[in-house]
Protein backbone atom coordinates (compact mmCIF):
# COMPACT_ATOMS: atom_id res chain seq x y z
CA UNK A 1 -23.46 -24.03 -98.07
CA UNK A 2 -27.44 -23.79 -97.39
CA UNK A 3 -28.48 -23.06 -100.56
CA UNK A 4 -26.71 -27.06 -101.08
CA UNK A 5 -28.61 -27.90 -98.14
CA UNK A 6 -32.11 -26.56 -99.28
CA UNK A 7 -31.54 -28.33 -102.41
CA UNK A 8 -30.94 -32.11 -100.77
CA UNK A 9 -34.02 -31.28 -99.15
CA UNK A 10 -35.81 -30.63 -102.16
CA UNK A 11 -35.03 -34.19 -103.57
CA UNK A 12 -35.31 -35.65 -100.39
CA UNK A 13 -39.54 -34.75 -101.14
CA UNK A 14 -39.51 -35.19 -104.47
CA UNK A 15 -38.33 -38.98 -104.24
CA UNK A 16 -40.99 -39.53 -100.58
CA UNK A 17 -43.71 -38.94 -102.65
CA UNK A 18 -43.46 -40.51 -105.90
CA UNK A 19 -43.34 -43.71 -103.74
CA UNK A 20 -46.06 -43.73 -101.47
CA UNK A 21 -49.26 -45.51 -102.77
CA UNK A 22 -52.80 -42.54 -102.91
CA UNK A 23 -53.42 -43.45 -99.08
CA UNK A 24 -50.04 -41.88 -97.67
CA UNK A 25 -50.43 -38.36 -99.42
CA UNK A 26 -52.04 -36.81 -95.97
CA UNK A 27 -49.33 -37.99 -94.19
CA UNK A 28 -46.37 -37.08 -97.58
CA UNK A 29 -48.16 -33.49 -96.35
CA UNK A 30 -47.23 -33.60 -92.87
CA UNK A 31 -44.48 -34.67 -93.92
CA UNK A 32 -44.02 -31.59 -96.78
CA UNK A 33 -44.56 -29.16 -93.73
CA UNK A 34 -41.91 -29.01 -91.95
CA UNK A 35 -39.55 -29.35 -94.86
CA UNK A 36 -41.15 -26.05 -96.55
CA UNK A 37 -40.41 -25.02 -93.04
CA UNK A 38 -36.94 -25.64 -92.85
CA UNK A 39 -36.31 -24.32 -96.71
CA UNK A 40 -38.29 -20.97 -96.01
CA UNK A 41 -35.88 -21.30 -92.28
CA UNK A 42 -32.90 -21.72 -94.28
CA UNK A 43 -33.31 -19.68 -97.28
CA UNK A 44 -34.30 -16.46 -94.94
CA UNK A 45 -30.97 -17.14 -92.23
CA UNK A 46 -28.68 -17.83 -95.59
CA UNK A 47 -29.36 -13.36 -96.43
CA UNK A 48 -27.01 -13.11 -93.44
CA UNK A 49 -23.96 -15.61 -93.67
CA UNK A 50 -21.20 -14.27 -95.43
CA UNK A 51 -19.22 -16.08 -98.33
CA UNK A 52 -16.18 -17.37 -97.67
CA UNK A 53 -13.50 -14.57 -97.49
CA UNK A 54 -16.27 -11.31 -97.40
CA UNK A 55 -14.32 -8.67 -95.17
CA UNK A 56 -15.96 -8.39 -92.10
CA UNK A 57 -18.64 -6.08 -91.03
CA UNK A 58 -19.06 -2.53 -90.79
CA UNK A 59 -18.80 -0.95 -87.36
CA UNK A 60 -20.41 1.62 -86.64
CA UNK A 61 -19.27 4.59 -87.37
CA UNK A 62 -19.84 8.04 -84.60
CA UNK A 63 -19.05 9.44 -81.22
CA UNK A 64 -20.01 7.22 -79.38
CA UNK A 65 -17.57 3.97 -81.14
CA UNK A 66 -14.85 6.45 -81.43
CA UNK A 67 -14.90 7.04 -77.13
CA UNK A 68 -15.01 2.68 -76.29
CA UNK A 69 -12.16 2.33 -79.52
CA UNK A 70 -9.72 4.59 -78.08
CA UNK A 71 -10.91 4.33 -74.14
CA UNK A 72 -7.64 3.21 -72.59
CA UNK A 73 -6.30 1.07 -75.88
CA UNK A 74 -2.66 1.31 -77.75
CA UNK A 75 -3.59 5.33 -79.28
CA UNK A 76 -4.60 6.33 -75.55
CA UNK A 77 -0.72 5.04 -74.09
CA UNK A 78 0.57 6.57 -77.00
CA UNK A 79 -0.85 10.21 -76.19
CA UNK A 80 0.39 9.78 -72.21
CA UNK A 81 3.68 9.74 -73.63
CA UNK A 82 3.37 13.16 -74.11
CA UNK A 83 2.86 14.61 -70.78
CA UNK A 84 -0.24 16.27 -71.29
CA UNK A 85 -3.14 13.35 -69.45
CA UNK A 86 -1.91 14.22 -65.58
CA UNK A 87 -0.82 10.06 -63.91
CA UNK A 88 -4.52 9.44 -62.67
CA UNK A 89 -6.26 10.99 -65.34
CA UNK A 90 -8.12 9.12 -68.23
CA UNK A 91 -7.31 11.13 -71.41
CA UNK A 92 -10.85 11.68 -72.33
CA UNK A 93 -10.75 13.71 -68.98
CA UNK A 94 -7.87 16.56 -70.84
CA UNK A 95 -9.48 15.41 -74.06
CA UNK A 96 -12.98 15.02 -76.65
CA UNK A 97 -12.29 12.07 -79.35
CA UNK A 98 -13.63 13.81 -82.74
CA UNK A 99 -14.30 12.02 -85.54
CA UNK A 100 -12.77 13.20 -89.33
CA UNK A 101 -14.42 10.84 -90.41
CA UNK A 102 -14.97 6.81 -92.10
CA UNK A 103 -14.35 5.54 -95.41
CA UNK A 104 -12.56 2.88 -97.03
CA UNK A 105 -9.39 3.83 -97.36
CA UNK A 106 -7.73 -0.18 -97.65
CA UNK A 107 -10.53 -1.27 -100.58
CA UNK A 108 -10.65 -4.18 -99.14
CA UNK A 109 -14.99 -2.41 -98.86
CA UNK A 110 -14.91 -2.07 -95.43
CA UNK A 111 -14.76 1.30 -93.78
CA UNK A 112 -11.57 2.93 -91.78
CA UNK A 113 -12.22 4.87 -88.73
CA UNK A 114 -9.89 8.60 -88.57
CA UNK A 115 -10.36 9.81 -85.09
CA UNK A 116 -8.30 12.74 -83.71
CA UNK A 117 -8.23 14.03 -79.88
CA UNK A 118 -8.63 17.73 -79.58
CA UNK A 119 -7.68 19.24 -75.45
CA UNK A 120 -10.83 20.34 -73.81
CA UNK A 121 -10.88 23.67 -73.70
CA UNK A 122 -8.79 24.73 -76.66
CA UNK A 123 -10.02 25.97 -79.67
CA UNK A 124 -7.56 24.15 -82.23
CA UNK A 125 -6.99 28.14 -83.81
CA UNK A 126 -4.39 27.94 -80.05
CA UNK A 127 -2.65 24.69 -80.13
CA UNK A 128 -0.32 25.27 -83.37
CA UNK A 129 1.80 24.44 -81.28
CA UNK A 130 0.98 21.68 -80.07
CA UNK A 131 0.79 17.70 -80.81
CA UNK A 132 -3.13 17.45 -82.20
CA UNK A 133 -2.40 12.87 -82.12
CA UNK A 134 -5.05 11.32 -84.54
CA UNK A 135 -5.35 7.46 -85.90
CA UNK A 136 -7.06 5.60 -88.41
CA UNK A 137 -8.99 2.16 -87.11
CA UNK A 138 -9.57 -0.98 -88.66
CA UNK A 139 -12.35 -2.91 -87.98
CA UNK A 140 -10.18 -6.81 -86.43
CA UNK A 141 -12.35 -9.53 -84.99
CA UNK A 142 -15.61 -8.05 -84.27
CA UNK A 143 -13.90 -4.42 -82.92
CA UNK A 144 -11.83 -1.60 -83.41
CA UNK A 145 -8.50 -1.51 -83.83
CA UNK A 146 -5.38 1.72 -84.26
CA UNK A 147 -4.09 1.43 -87.66
CA UNK A 148 -1.68 4.34 -88.48
CA UNK A 149 -1.12 6.69 -84.49
CA UNK A 150 0.82 9.67 -85.01
CA UNK A 151 0.72 11.87 -81.23
CA UNK A 152 4.05 14.67 -81.86
CA UNK A 153 2.41 16.18 -85.20
CA UNK A 154 2.21 19.99 -83.71
CA UNK A 155 -1.27 22.01 -85.04
CA UNK A 156 -2.63 18.57 -87.20
CA UNK A 157 -5.22 18.91 -89.84
CA UNK A 158 -6.52 16.18 -90.59
CA UNK A 159 -9.30 15.24 -93.45
CA UNK A 160 -10.20 12.33 -95.83
CA UNK A 161 -9.69 12.40 -99.34
CA UNK A 162 -10.62 9.24 -101.48
CA UNK A 163 -8.60 6.99 -100.23
CA UNK A 164 -5.68 9.17 -98.79
CA UNK A 165 -6.09 10.84 -95.08
CA UNK A 166 -4.74 14.30 -96.26
CA UNK A 167 -2.30 16.22 -92.68
CA UNK A 168 -1.47 19.60 -92.53
CA UNK A 169 0.85 20.95 -89.46
CA UNK A 170 2.71 23.88 -88.64
CA UNK A 171 5.61 25.38 -89.81
CA UNK A 172 7.91 28.08 -89.89
CA UNK A 173 8.55 29.91 -92.60
CA UNK A 174 11.79 31.96 -93.03
CA UNK A 175 12.01 35.08 -90.52
CA UNK A 176 9.35 33.89 -88.38
CA UNK A 177 9.82 34.27 -84.56
CA UNK A 178 9.97 31.29 -82.66
CA UNK A 179 6.53 32.32 -80.70
CA UNK A 180 4.76 32.99 -83.99
CA UNK A 181 5.26 30.47 -86.64
CA UNK A 182 2.93 31.46 -89.82
CA UNK A 183 4.13 28.84 -92.22
CA UNK A 184 2.63 25.05 -93.05
CA UNK A 185 4.04 21.48 -94.01
CA UNK A 186 1.59 19.52 -95.57
CA UNK A 187 1.36 15.31 -96.96
CA UNK A 188 -0.81 11.95 -96.72
CA UNK A 189 -1.12 9.34 -95.16
CA UNK A 190 -2.22 5.98 -97.75
CA UNK A 191 -2.44 2.37 -97.89
CA UNK A 192 0.26 0.57 -99.08
CA UNK A 193 -0.65 -3.42 -99.01
CA UNK A 194 0.37 -3.87 -95.65
CA UNK A 195 0.73 -0.69 -93.73
CA UNK A 196 -0.49 2.95 -93.31
CA UNK A 197 2.67 5.21 -94.90
CA UNK A 198 3.84 9.02 -94.55
CA UNK A 199 4.55 10.39 -97.68
CA UNK A 200 5.48 14.34 -97.29
CA UNK A 201 4.39 16.91 -99.91
CA UNK A 202 7.23 18.27 -101.15
CA UNK A 203 11.30 17.20 -99.66
CA UNK A 204 13.52 13.57 -100.33
CA UNK A 205 10.71 10.77 -101.28
CA UNK A 206 14.01 8.15 -100.02
CA UNK A 207 14.53 8.15 -96.00
CA UNK A 208 18.13 6.68 -96.18
CA UNK A 209 21.05 6.86 -93.39
CA UNK A 210 23.70 7.15 -95.29
CA UNK A 211 27.11 6.47 -93.99
CA UNK A 212 31.13 6.40 -95.30
CA UNK A 213 33.89 5.28 -93.66
CA UNK A 214 32.29 4.41 -90.19
CA UNK A 215 30.98 8.15 -90.98
CA UNK A 216 27.75 9.22 -91.22
CA UNK A 217 27.33 12.08 -94.72
CA UNK A 218 23.87 12.40 -94.98
CA UNK A 219 20.32 11.75 -94.11
CA UNK A 220 17.84 11.27 -96.84
CA UNK A 221 20.01 13.71 -99.11
CA UNK A 222 20.50 16.39 -96.82
CA UNK A 223 24.64 16.04 -96.50
CA UNK A 224 25.36 15.63 -92.42
CA UNK A 225 28.93 17.21 -92.73
CA UNK A 226 28.33 20.54 -94.27
CA UNK A 227 25.36 21.60 -94.46
CA UNK A 228 23.40 23.88 -91.41
CA UNK A 229 19.41 24.67 -91.16
CA UNK A 230 18.96 26.63 -94.52
CA UNK A 231 20.00 23.40 -96.47
CA UNK A 232 17.78 21.85 -94.85
CA UNK A 233 14.96 24.01 -94.54
CA UNK A 234 15.65 23.98 -98.68
CA UNK A 235 15.46 19.79 -98.69
CA UNK A 236 12.79 19.43 -95.86
CA UNK A 237 10.66 21.69 -95.85
CA UNK A 238 9.49 24.12 -93.33
CA UNK A 239 10.38 22.93 -90.20
CA UNK A 240 8.12 22.25 -87.34
CA UNK A 241 9.82 23.73 -83.81
CA UNK A 242 13.35 25.59 -83.82
CA UNK A 243 15.36 27.31 -80.95
CA UNK A 244 18.48 29.14 -80.90
CA UNK A 245 19.38 28.30 -77.64
CA UNK A 246 23.85 29.57 -77.07
CA UNK A 247 25.33 27.32 -78.74
CA UNK A 248 23.16 25.24 -80.45
CA UNK A 249 20.04 25.24 -82.54
CA UNK A 250 17.81 21.92 -82.06
CA UNK A 251 15.30 21.92 -85.08
CA UNK A 252 12.45 19.10 -85.92
CA UNK A 253 10.72 18.04 -89.03
CA UNK A 254 7.52 16.37 -87.04
CA UNK A 255 5.47 14.27 -89.53
CA UNK A 256 8.83 12.79 -90.32
CA UNK A 257 10.39 12.12 -86.95
CA UNK A 258 13.50 14.12 -87.26
CA UNK A 259 15.35 15.57 -85.43
CA UNK A 260 18.60 17.95 -86.06
CA UNK A 261 20.76 19.89 -83.43
CA UNK A 262 23.00 22.02 -85.17
CA UNK A 263 25.38 24.04 -83.45
CA UNK A 264 28.67 26.36 -84.00
CA UNK A 265 31.02 27.25 -80.87
CA UNK A 266 32.94 30.18 -82.48
CA UNK A 267 29.91 32.36 -81.87
CA UNK A 268 28.30 32.72 -84.99
CA UNK A 269 24.65 31.38 -85.28
CA UNK A 270 24.28 27.95 -85.12
CA UNK A 271 20.52 28.83 -86.73
CA UNK A 272 21.85 30.63 -89.92
CA UNK A 273 24.43 29.62 -92.43
CA UNK A 274 27.16 29.06 -90.30
CA UNK A 275 25.73 26.27 -88.19
CA UNK A 276 26.28 22.74 -88.47
CA UNK A 277 25.25 20.01 -87.71
CA UNK A 278 26.00 17.64 -84.11
CA UNK A 279 23.86 15.49 -83.67
CA UNK A 280 20.37 14.09 -85.32
CA UNK A 281 17.15 11.98 -84.31
CA UNK A 282 15.05 9.78 -86.44
CA UNK A 283 12.81 8.37 -83.50
CA UNK A 284 9.04 7.45 -83.36
CA UNK A 285 5.96 5.88 -84.91
CA UNK A 286 5.87 8.81 -87.27
CA UNK A 287 9.27 8.18 -88.38
CA UNK A 288 8.64 4.97 -89.07
CA UNK A 289 5.17 6.11 -91.07
CA UNK A 290 8.05 7.84 -93.04
CA UNK A 291 10.58 4.83 -93.63
CA UNK A 292 13.37 5.67 -92.49
CA UNK A 293 16.30 3.40 -92.41
CA UNK A 294 19.85 2.35 -91.87
CA UNK A 295 22.30 1.04 -94.74
CA UNK A 296 21.50 -2.28 -93.29
CA UNK A 297 18.04 -1.24 -93.95
CA UNK A 298 17.56 -1.86 -90.87
CA UNK A 299 13.99 -0.08 -89.66
CA UNK A 300 12.10 1.57 -86.89
CA UNK A 301 9.64 -1.34 -85.59
CA UNK A 302 12.05 -4.45 -86.36
CA UNK A 303 13.16 -6.34 -83.26
CA UNK A 304 16.10 -6.26 -81.33
CA UNK A 305 16.90 -9.88 -82.45
CA UNK A 306 16.89 -9.03 -86.61
CA UNK A 307 18.88 -6.16 -85.54
CA UNK A 308 21.16 -8.13 -84.09
CA UNK A 309 21.45 -10.30 -87.44
CA UNK A 310 22.60 -7.35 -89.51
CA UNK A 311 24.61 -5.44 -87.19
CA UNK A 312 26.06 -8.50 -85.19
CA UNK A 313 29.01 -6.72 -83.69
CA UNK A 314 26.46 -4.37 -81.99
CA UNK A 315 26.46 -3.33 -77.97
CA UNK A 316 25.10 -1.24 -75.56
CA UNK A 317 26.18 2.60 -75.61
CA UNK A 318 26.71 5.39 -73.13
CA UNK A 319 23.77 7.11 -73.02
CA UNK A 320 25.94 10.60 -72.82
CA UNK A 321 27.02 9.87 -76.27
CA UNK A 322 24.03 11.50 -77.28
CA UNK A 323 20.94 13.45 -76.26
CA UNK A 324 19.36 12.19 -73.68
CA UNK A 325 16.06 13.92 -74.59
CA UNK A 326 14.58 10.23 -75.83
CA UNK A 327 14.87 8.31 -72.49
CA UNK A 328 13.00 5.22 -73.90
CA UNK A 329 14.87 1.89 -73.63
CA UNK A 330 18.25 0.86 -74.43
CA UNK A 331 20.86 3.01 -76.32
CA UNK A 332 23.19 0.48 -78.68
CA UNK A 333 26.05 1.34 -80.95
CA UNK A 334 25.80 -0.09 -84.37
CA UNK A 335 28.67 1.95 -85.96
CA UNK A 336 31.54 3.48 -84.39
CA UNK A 337 34.66 5.65 -86.18
CA UNK A 338 37.89 6.28 -84.90
CA UNK A 339 37.92 9.14 -82.53
CA UNK A 340 38.86 12.68 -83.42
CA UNK A 341 40.20 14.28 -79.82
CA UNK A 342 42.39 12.38 -79.33
CA UNK A 343 41.46 9.93 -77.54
CA UNK A 344 41.74 5.91 -77.51
CA UNK A 345 38.12 5.03 -77.32
CA UNK A 346 36.14 4.94 -81.01
CA UNK A 347 33.03 6.92 -81.24
CA UNK A 348 30.03 6.13 -82.02
CA UNK A 349 28.22 7.38 -85.10
CA UNK A 350 24.40 5.38 -85.34
CA UNK A 351 22.97 3.80 -82.20
CA UNK A 352 19.30 2.16 -81.83
CA UNK A 353 16.94 2.55 -79.24
CA UNK A 354 15.32 -0.36 -77.93
CA UNK A 355 12.20 -0.69 -75.67
CA UNK A 356 10.34 -3.75 -75.12
CA UNK A 357 12.21 -5.67 -78.07
CA UNK A 358 12.07 -3.65 -80.95
CA UNK A 359 13.62 -0.21 -81.90
CA UNK A 360 11.68 3.08 -81.77
CA UNK A 361 14.72 5.06 -83.48
CA UNK A 362 17.68 5.80 -84.50
CA UNK A 363 20.49 8.21 -83.23
CA UNK A 364 23.54 10.24 -85.00
CA UNK A 365 26.48 11.72 -83.97
CA UNK A 366 27.70 14.03 -86.36
CA UNK A 367 29.77 15.96 -84.77
CA UNK A 368 30.96 19.00 -87.98
CA UNK A 369 30.25 22.30 -85.88
CA UNK A 370 33.64 20.34 -83.79
CA UNK A 371 32.58 17.71 -81.13
């Protein structure tokens, strides 16, 4: 510490003056001036020195800082995954970075920066059915790095409330046509001491994929064997997207990273009370932030090595057994069940998709619609 050095210099000065004879006072004065200069230098410099364990200096919170942080970082990479940025274009040719605000969201005394990307030449009110990516940046090593990224939530509107960030997004109210959602989904992002997590305003707090006798029976409390879309809406709230495609009705709750395909093979409406679950998926960063997990406590973003410890019999799966709408990485079967259609090969029940050595999603095959 510089304060200790100052004390030592003062003690040295007193000791020198006590020992010197009178004729040497001139020399002592010269020494004293030199010591005084050192003391002033140290005293002024000590104001710039951080105490041990203190947090980093808050970085600028402005449009330029946002542009510099977003440009070519992990957030920009995830946004490219939406397919909205042409291969030879930059993210900023399509989007403008908007500062939502800066606030201390983690309680460490340093402000985080909340940034959202808005498509150029597209009014906010026209973007209700398209994803509006946003992220939270933390100061790390003298630069801003994304600590939370959300890219798939349609019509996301974000605001800071104290130590949390509130997100409102598009939702389909009962009776809404596919073209025109009038409802909304709401949730909050909050720091849990280790990472930022997302919780919806309503719906189940648990996020467990439950199995029984190798069959998928529930998804956060939703009955996978007998539940319909109206039942799912009653539990998870209004969906972000849905569409009727003949015998199939794909539905998503994008803020939860949840997708469910309802079906009816008897000619009835798969989006109505007669539809049943064919398959389901929890995928992407939003699913990780929502906290989805398997019965063995496997979560999204764990390593392949960790997953193999929980499922030692996991093996590469045939892509044709699951939806190909999420092609990233490779699919591995974790749990199988006996086939119900008279073939010897077992049917996958639960699978994990792995990319870059980490789990990026889980896929559930139910077959309650008669597949």
